[in-house]
Amino acid sequence: MILNTGQRTDIPAFYADWFLRRVREGSVMVRNPFNYQRITSYRIDPEVVDVIAFCTKNPAPMLGKLGELAGYRQYWHVTITPYDKDIEPNVPPAGEVISSFRKLSGKVGKERTVWRYDPILLTETFTPERHICAFRDMAEKLEGSTESCVISFIDLYKKTIRNFPEAERVSNEIQYSMAERMAKIGEQHGIHVSSCLEDPGLAKIGIDTSGCMTKEKLEKAFNLKLKIPNIKTHQARQGCACLLGNDIGAYTTCPHLCKYCYANESPEAVIENRNKHDPHSPLLIGHVEKEDQVVEARQESWIDREISLF
């Protein structure tokens, strides 16, 4: 199975110590975000966890602790964007994240360290041309440290519009133009540019739209074959082929406080949840309560060991 950590919050940036304690103790619990009283308990054991997937804007807090994950395959997505503090208040400067990215790549391998340039949003300040210039500069600095970059354009959910009203819709015409230019820049630096769950028209101009963490991409990254039962149950969104289930994070817990974030309800709610975080608890936020129903996850390795070369 794939154990995901990054669809609801940024665990490497803010909860690294908690996560590594969970690894040492061999288990973790997660509340169902749609049914508060239901908790799923996962074993953290190389016998059943084939890959631990991370998605972060700041891998630095984990860099000196990766030895504790030596028994696990790791697949990292690291977001690096050029936005200012008024959009991403608590994200480190891009130069610092690039430096951390290069160190991370040196530890886990460039084929397992993916750069994300997303979400791409437009404002009066962040024009398409400014994005292209920033992307070119980052691609130059990341050359040799990654083979892949995932781009996506901002989705204007109701929550996003409320928290970030100045964000503009990115038309299909602009999406096609920017994606095509980014793909060419990436190619010049040995970086394959893809998009995830974007307009299918991007495929017609040569952009890989198959997904950012699909079965096939994980197989290639780790030189193995996966045999996944009921694969659709592990895919988080309709039309998305990525294996994003089994996430151990919690919504409204990320102190990056990015204005475009879909996972935070409000800064005040994030602060309230952070105050409930106990690094010794099996849950990211709070503790198991008397009324809770704890269910053991059904876990098994998906590796086809008869033909695996890992």
Protein backbone atom coordinates (compact mmCIF):
# COMPACT_ATOMS: atom_id res chain seq x y z
CA MET A 1 0.00 0.00 0.00
CA ILE A 2 0.92 3.65 -0.34
CA LEU A 3 0.88 5.73 2.85
CA ASN A 4 0.15 9.36 1.96
CA THR A 5 0.98 12.33 4.17
CA GLY A 6 0.36 15.44 2.13
CA GLN A 7 -3.14 15.91 0.74
CA ARG A 8 -4.52 17.65 3.86
CA THR A 9 -1.54 19.37 5.50
CA ASP A 10 2.25 19.75 5.34
CA ILE A 11 3.64 17.13 7.70
CA PRO A 12 7.37 17.49 6.84
CA ALA A 13 7.28 21.25 7.40
CA PHE A 14 5.33 21.34 10.68
CA TYR A 15 4.86 17.85 12.11
CA ALA A 16 8.10 16.01 11.36
CA ASP A 17 8.78 15.00 14.95
CA TRP A 18 5.24 13.65 15.38
CA PHE A 19 5.50 11.66 12.16
CA LEU A 20 8.86 10.12 13.00
CA ARG A 21 7.56 9.14 16.44
CA ARG A 22 4.70 7.37 14.67
CA VAL A 23 7.25 5.55 12.50
CA ARG A 24 9.22 4.48 15.57
CA GLU A 25 6.09 3.27 17.34
CA GLY A 26 4.87 1.52 14.20
CA SER A 27 1.35 2.91 13.90
CA VAL A 28 -0.68 6.04 13.24
CA MET A 29 -4.35 6.99 13.53
CA VAL A 30 -6.38 9.37 11.40
CA ARG A 31 -9.89 10.77 11.84
CA ASN A 32 -12.31 10.55 8.96
CA PRO A 33 -12.75 14.22 7.92
CA PHE A 34 -16.44 13.55 7.18
CA ASN A 35 -17.21 11.41 10.24
CA TYR A 36 -15.45 12.77 13.32
CA GLN A 37 -16.03 9.74 15.53
CA ARG A 38 -14.56 7.26 13.04
CA ILE A 39 -10.81 6.68 13.26
CA THR A 40 -8.66 4.49 11.02
CA SER A 41 -5.50 2.94 12.46
CA TYR A 42 -2.60 2.14 10.12
CA ARG A 43 0.46 0.00 10.74
CA ILE A 44 3.69 1.68 9.67
CA ASP A 45 5.73 -1.33 8.69
CA PRO A 46 7.82 -2.02 5.55
CA GLU A 47 6.05 -5.36 5.24
CA VAL A 48 2.80 -3.60 4.27
CA VAL A 49 3.82 -0.01 3.43
CA ASP A 50 5.44 -0.11 0.00
CA VAL A 51 5.92 3.67 -0.38
CA ILE A 52 5.56 6.69 1.89
CA ALA A 53 4.54 9.69 -0.19
CA PHE A 54 5.23 13.25 0.95
CA CYS A 55 3.97 16.56 -0.41
CA THR A 56 5.53 19.66 1.12
CA LYS A 57 6.54 23.27 0.62
CA ASN A 58 9.48 22.87 3.00
CA PRO A 59 11.35 19.56 3.35
CA ALA A 60 14.13 21.11 5.48
CA PRO A 61 12.87 19.87 8.91
CA MET A 62 13.07 16.27 7.65
CA LEU A 63 16.48 16.37 5.96
CA GLY A 64 18.55 15.41 9.00
CA LYS A 65 16.11 12.68 10.02
CA LEU A 66 15.71 10.64 6.84
CA GLY A 67 17.89 7.88 8.27
CA GLU A 68 14.87 6.84 10.34
CA LEU A 69 13.05 6.10 7.08
CA ALA A 70 15.86 4.03 5.59
CA GLY A 71 13.64 0.94 5.51
CA TYR A 72 10.97 2.65 3.40
CA ARG A 73 10.71 3.77 -0.20
CA GLN A 74 10.05 7.51 -0.27
CA TYR A 75 8.39 9.55 -3.00
CA TRP A 76 8.52 13.32 -2.55
CA HIS A 77 6.58 16.15 -4.17
CA VAL A 78 8.05 19.54 -3.25
CA THR A 79 6.21 22.72 -4.24
CA ILE A 80 8.36 25.69 -5.23
CA THR A 81 6.60 28.82 -6.46
CA PRO A 82 7.59 32.51 -6.70
CA TYR A 83 4.80 34.03 -4.61
CA ASP A 84 5.27 36.79 -2.06
CA LYS A 85 4.48 36.71 1.66
CA ASP A 86 1.09 38.30 1.04
CA ILE A 87 0.07 35.08 -0.78
CA GLU A 88 2.22 32.47 1.02
CA PRO A 89 2.83 34.06 4.45
CA ASN A 90 4.87 31.30 6.08
CA VAL A 91 6.51 29.50 3.17
CA PRO A 92 10.32 29.88 3.13
CA PRO A 93 11.85 31.90 0.25
CA ALA A 94 12.11 29.95 -3.00
CA GLY A 95 15.92 29.98 -2.87
CA GLU A 96 15.88 28.19 0.48
CA VAL A 97 13.42 25.56 -0.72
CA ILE A 98 15.51 24.98 -3.86
CA SER A 99 18.55 24.37 -1.67
CA SER A 100 16.58 21.92 0.49
CA PHE A 101 15.21 20.23 -2.63
CA ARG A 102 18.71 19.60 -3.98
CA LYS A 103 19.81 18.10 -0.66
CA LEU A 104 16.70 15.92 -0.52
CA SER A 105 17.27 14.72 -4.07
CA GLY A 106 20.81 13.75 -3.17
CA LYS A 107 19.46 11.54 -0.38
CA VAL A 108 16.46 9.84 -2.00
CA GLY A 109 17.22 10.13 -5.72
CA LYS A 110 16.19 12.60 -8.42
CA GLU A 111 13.70 10.13 -9.90
CA ARG A 112 11.83 10.12 -6.56
CA THR A 113 11.92 13.88 -5.96
CA VAL A 114 9.29 15.76 -7.99
CA TRP A 115 9.10 19.54 -8.32
CA ARG A 116 5.61 21.01 -8.21
CA TYR A 117 5.00 24.45 -9.68
CA ASP A 118 1.44 24.89 -8.53
CA PRO A 119 -1.04 26.31 -8.29
CA ILE A 120 -0.41 28.72 -11.12
CA LEU A 121 -2.50 31.80 -10.36
CA LEU A 122 -2.78 35.16 -12.02
CA THR A 123 -3.03 38.58 -10.41
CA GLU A 124 -2.03 42.07 -11.50
CA THR A 125 1.46 41.27 -10.18
CA PHE A 126 1.81 37.64 -11.21
CA THR A 127 1.31 37.75 -14.95
CA PRO A 128 1.94 34.84 -17.35
CA GLU A 129 5.28 36.36 -18.35
CA ARG A 130 6.43 36.68 -14.76
CA HIS A 131 5.58 33.02 -14.21
CA ILE A 132 7.57 31.98 -17.26
CA CYS A 133 10.62 33.92 -16.05
CA ALA A 134 10.36 32.43 -12.56
CA PHE A 135 9.89 28.93 -13.95
CA ARG A 136 12.93 29.27 -16.20
CA ASP A 137 15.10 30.44 -13.30
CA MET A 138 13.95 27.59 -11.05
CA ALA A 139 14.39 24.98 -13.78
CA GLU A 140 17.98 26.10 -14.26
CA LYS A 141 18.68 25.77 -10.53
CA LEU A 142 16.95 22.39 -10.24
CA GLU A 143 18.62 20.82 -13.26
CA GLY A 144 20.14 17.48 -12.29
CA SER A 145 18.08 17.25 -9.08
CA THR A 146 14.78 16.13 -10.58
CA GLU A 147 13.40 14.51 -13.68
CA SER A 148 9.82 15.72 -13.25
CA CYS A 149 7.76 18.85 -12.71
CA VAL A 150 4.02 18.90 -12.14
CA ILE A 151 2.12 22.07 -13.02
CA SER A 152 -1.50 22.90 -12.32
CA PHE A 153 -3.66 25.98 -12.51
CA ILE A 154 -5.66 27.40 -9.64
CA ASP A 155 -9.15 26.05 -8.98
CA LEU A 156 -11.45 28.81 -7.80
CA TYR A 157 -13.42 26.97 -5.15
CA LYS A 158 -15.88 29.02 -3.07
CA LYS A 159 -13.42 28.92 -0.17
CA THR A 160 -10.61 30.16 -2.43
CA ILE A 161 -12.70 33.01 -3.81
CA ARG A 162 -13.62 34.04 -0.27
CA ASN A 163 -10.03 34.01 1.01
CA PHE A 164 -8.32 35.22 -2.16
CA PRO A 165 -10.72 37.42 -4.18
CA GLU A 166 -7.95 38.99 -6.27
CA ALA A 167 -7.07 35.66 -7.90
CA GLU A 168 -8.12 35.54 -11.54
CA ARG A 169 -9.44 32.63 -13.53
CA VAL A 170 -6.82 31.28 -15.93
CA SER A 171 -8.40 30.86 -19.34
CA ASN A 172 -7.80 27.73 -21.40
CA GLU A 173 -5.92 29.80 -23.97
CA ILE A 174 -3.47 31.07 -21.34
CA GLN A 175 -3.16 27.60 -19.83
CA TYR A 176 -2.17 26.11 -23.18
CA SER A 177 0.33 28.85 -23.91
CA MET A 178 1.99 28.71 -20.49
CA ALA A 179 2.07 24.91 -20.34
CA GLU A 180 3.64 24.65 -23.77
CA ARG A 181 6.36 27.17 -22.90
CA MET A 182 7.05 25.51 -19.55
CA ALA A 183 7.34 22.10 -21.19
CA LYS A 184 9.95 23.44 -23.60
CA ILE A 185 11.91 25.06 -20.78
CA GLY A 186 11.77 21.85 -18.76
CA GLU A 187 13.02 19.83 -21.72
CA GLN A 188 16.08 22.10 -21.95
CA HIS A 189 16.98 21.18 -18.37
CA GLY A 190 16.14 17.47 -18.39
CA ILE A 191 12.82 17.97 -16.58
CA HIS A 192 9.65 16.33 -17.88
CA VAL A 193 6.68 18.66 -17.36
CA SER A 194 3.26 17.14 -16.72
CA SER A 195 -0.09 18.33 -15.41
CA CYS A 196 -2.59 16.63 -13.16
CA LEU A 197 -6.37 16.63 -13.71
CA GLU A 198 -6.21 19.71 -15.92
CA ASP A 199 -7.99 20.49 -19.17
CA PRO A 200 -7.59 17.43 -21.44
CA GLY A 201 -6.78 19.81 -24.28
CA LEU A 202 -3.27 20.10 -22.84
CA ALA A 203 -2.58 16.57 -24.08
CA LYS A 204 -3.10 17.77 -27.64
CA ILE A 205 -0.12 20.12 -27.32
CA GLY A 206 2.14 17.39 -25.95
CA ILE A 207 1.65 17.80 -22.19
CA ASP A 208 1.55 14.61 -20.13
CA THR A 209 -1.84 14.65 -18.38
CA SER A 210 -1.78 11.08 -17.07
CA GLY A 211 -1.39 12.15 -13.41
CA CYS A 212 1.33 13.03 -10.91
CA MET A 213 1.43 9.91 -8.71
CA THR A 214 0.06 7.09 -10.79
CA LYS A 215 0.79 3.38 -10.54
CA GLU A 216 2.99 3.62 -13.61
CA LYS A 217 5.05 6.54 -12.30
CA LEU A 218 5.68 4.85 -8.97
CA GLU A 219 6.68 1.64 -10.75
CA LYS A 220 9.18 3.56 -12.84
CA ALA A 221 10.57 5.49 -9.86
CA PHE A 222 11.25 2.35 -7.85
CA ASN A 223 11.82 -0.18 -10.65
CA LEU A 224 9.08 -2.52 -9.47
CA LYS A 225 5.62 -3.75 -10.43
CA LEU A 226 2.53 -3.05 -8.35
CA LYS A 227 -0.50 -5.26 -8.23
CA ILE A 228 -3.25 -3.11 -6.74
CA PRO A 229 -6.61 -4.64 -5.80
CA ASN A 230 -9.61 -2.40 -6.51
CA ILE A 231 -7.35 0.38 -7.75
CA LYS A 232 -10.21 2.90 -8.06
CA THR A 233 -10.78 2.85 -4.30
CA HIS A 234 -7.29 4.28 -3.84
CA GLN A 235 -7.83 7.18 -6.26
CA ALA A 236 -9.07 10.28 -4.46
CA ARG A 237 -10.97 12.12 -7.19
CA GLN A 238 -13.07 11.11 -10.17
CA GLY A 239 -11.01 11.25 -13.33
CA CYS A 240 -7.72 11.24 -11.39
CA ALA A 241 -5.46 8.19 -11.77
CA CYS A 242 -3.20 9.14 -8.85
CA LEU A 243 -2.92 6.90 -5.79
CA LEU A 244 -3.87 9.44 -3.14
CA GLY A 245 -5.82 7.37 -0.62
CA ASN A 246 -4.67 6.37 2.89
CA ASP A 247 -3.76 9.93 3.86
CA ILE A 248 -2.81 10.43 7.52
CA GLY A 249 -3.07 14.23 7.63
CA ALA A 250 -5.87 16.47 8.85
CA TYR A 251 -7.54 19.48 7.26
CA THR A 252 -7.18 22.99 8.69
CA THR A 253 -3.82 22.30 10.31
CA CYS A 254 -1.28 23.86 7.92
CA PRO A 255 0.39 27.06 9.22
CA HIS A 256 1.73 28.03 5.80
CA LEU A 257 -1.65 29.86 5.53
CA CYS A 258 -1.47 30.20 1.75
CA LYS A 259 -4.36 32.34 0.56
CA TYR A 260 -5.31 29.90 -2.20
CA CYS A 261 -5.33 26.81 0.07
CA TYR A 262 -8.28 24.43 -0.26
CA ALA A 263 -7.36 22.50 2.90
CA ASN A 264 -7.63 25.29 5.51
CA GLU A 265 -10.93 26.72 6.68
CA SER A 266 -9.42 29.88 8.22
CA PRO A 267 -6.24 31.06 9.99
CA GLU A 268 -8.11 31.14 13.30
CA ALA A 269 -9.20 27.52 12.91
CA VAL A 270 -5.62 26.49 12.08
CA ILE A 271 -4.37 28.11 15.29
CA GLU A 272 -7.10 26.36 17.28
CA ASN A 273 -6.16 22.97 15.83
CA ARG A 274 -2.44 23.54 16.33
CA ASN A 275 -3.12 24.10 20.02
CA LYS A 276 -4.65 20.61 20.12
CA HIS A 277 -1.59 18.95 18.59
CA ASP A 278 0.24 16.56 20.91
CA PRO A 279 3.45 15.10 19.41
CA HIS A 280 2.92 11.98 21.54
CA SER A 281 -0.62 11.30 20.33
CA PRO A 282 -1.30 8.70 17.61
CA LEU A 283 -3.57 11.34 16.01
CA LEU A 284 -2.19 14.48 14.39
CA ILE A 285 -4.74 16.60 16.25
CA GLY A 286 -6.12 15.72 19.65
CA HIS A 287 -6.51 12.30 21.23
CA VAL A 288 -8.73 9.27 20.93
CA GLU A 289 -12.02 9.97 22.70
CA LYS A 290 -14.39 7.62 24.51
CA GLU A 291 -17.04 7.81 21.80
CA ASP A 292 -14.62 7.09 18.95
CA GLN A 293 -14.81 3.99 16.80
CA VAL A 294 -11.31 2.81 15.86
CA VAL A 295 -11.06 0.59 12.79
CA GLU A 296 -7.91 -1.24 11.74
CA ALA A 297 -7.07 -0.52 8.11
CA ARG A 298 -6.85 -3.48 5.80
CA GLN A 299 -3.24 -3.33 4.66
CA GLU A 300 -1.15 -5.47 2.36
CA SER A 301 1.88 -5.01 0.16
CA TRP A 302 1.03 -4.29 -3.46
CA ILE A 303 4.43 -5.27 -4.81
CA ASP A 304 4.41 -8.13 -7.29
CA ARG A 305 7.46 -9.81 -5.81
CA GLU A 306 7.67 -12.51 -8.46
CA ILE A 307 8.91 -9.98 -11.00
CA SER A 308 10.09 -7.05 -8.85
CA LEU A 309 13.69 -5.97 -9.43
CA PHE A 310 13.87 -3.75 -6.32
